Protein backbone atom coordinates (compact mmCIF):
# COMPACT_ATOMS: atom_id res chain seq x y z
CA MET A 1 89.81 97.74 122.80
CA SER A 2 87.09 99.73 121.02
CA ALA A 3 84.76 101.97 122.99
CA TRP A 4 82.04 101.12 120.48
CA ALA A 5 79.95 98.01 121.08
CA GLY A 6 78.31 97.96 117.65
CA SER A 7 77.71 99.85 114.43
CA MET A 8 75.05 100.10 111.77
CA GLN A 9 75.13 101.86 108.41
CA THR A 10 73.04 102.56 105.35
CA SER A 11 73.51 100.17 102.42
CA ASP A 12 75.48 102.81 100.49
CA GLY A 13 77.69 103.56 103.51
CA THR A 14 76.76 107.24 103.56
CA TRP A 15 75.49 107.20 107.16
CA ARG A 16 76.68 105.18 110.15
CA VAL A 17 75.53 104.90 113.75
CA ASP A 18 77.98 103.67 116.37
CA VAL A 19 76.65 102.42 119.71
CA GLY A 20 78.71 102.60 122.88
CA GLY A 21 78.00 102.15 126.52
CA VAL A 22 78.82 100.89 129.95
CA GLY A 23 76.30 98.65 131.69
CA ALA A 24 72.80 99.96 131.07
CA THR A 25 74.08 103.39 129.92
CA LYS A 26 74.23 103.73 126.13
CA TRP A 27 75.37 106.54 123.85
CA TYR A 28 75.39 106.97 120.10
CA ARG A 29 77.44 108.61 117.35
CA LEU A 30 75.83 109.59 114.04
CA VAL A 31 78.40 109.90 111.24
CA GLY A 32 77.62 111.13 107.74
CA PRO A 33 78.80 113.50 105.03
CA ASP A 34 80.58 116.37 106.80
CA SER A 35 78.88 115.40 110.08
CA CYS A 36 79.79 113.57 113.27
CA ARG A 37 77.46 113.97 116.25
CA ASN A 38 77.80 112.33 119.65
CA LEU A 39 74.37 111.78 121.15
CA PRO A 40 73.42 110.87 124.72
CA SER A 41 70.25 108.87 124.09
CA LEU A 42 68.22 106.91 121.58
CA THR A 43 65.72 109.78 121.54
CA ALA A 44 68.46 112.25 120.61
CA LEU A 45 69.70 109.86 117.90
CA THR A 46 66.19 109.54 116.47
CA VAL A 47 65.74 113.33 116.35
CA ALA A 48 69.18 113.92 114.77
CA ALA A 49 68.70 111.15 112.19
CA ASP A 50 65.27 112.48 111.27
CA ALA A 51 66.67 116.01 110.86
CA ALA A 52 69.39 114.61 108.57
CA GLY A 53 66.85 112.64 106.53
CA VAL A 54 68.17 109.27 107.69
CA ASP A 55 65.64 106.47 108.20
CA LEU A 56 66.99 104.36 111.06
CA GLY A 57 65.05 101.43 109.61
CA ASP A 58 67.43 101.45 106.62
CA LEU A 59 70.50 100.77 108.77
CA ARG A 60 72.16 97.35 108.74
CA GLU A 61 74.60 95.95 111.30
CA VAL A 62 78.29 96.18 110.36
CA PRO A 63 81.50 95.52 112.35
CA ALA A 64 81.91 97.94 115.25
CA ALA A 65 83.90 101.12 114.65
CA GLY A 66 87.47 100.95 115.89
């Protein structure tokens, strides 16, 4: 069973966000070129994505990471 509940990625597949969680607690993983960051909150994800130049609005849902 995957620990990831869902995933989203850019149309070119360069960047992906995986979403995990238990109950109301969620965590995120931002994966890109030479980068994989585990993030504890949506705020942290937003800050990390912005620093990497990733517009979260460009992400589209894809099958969850395995």
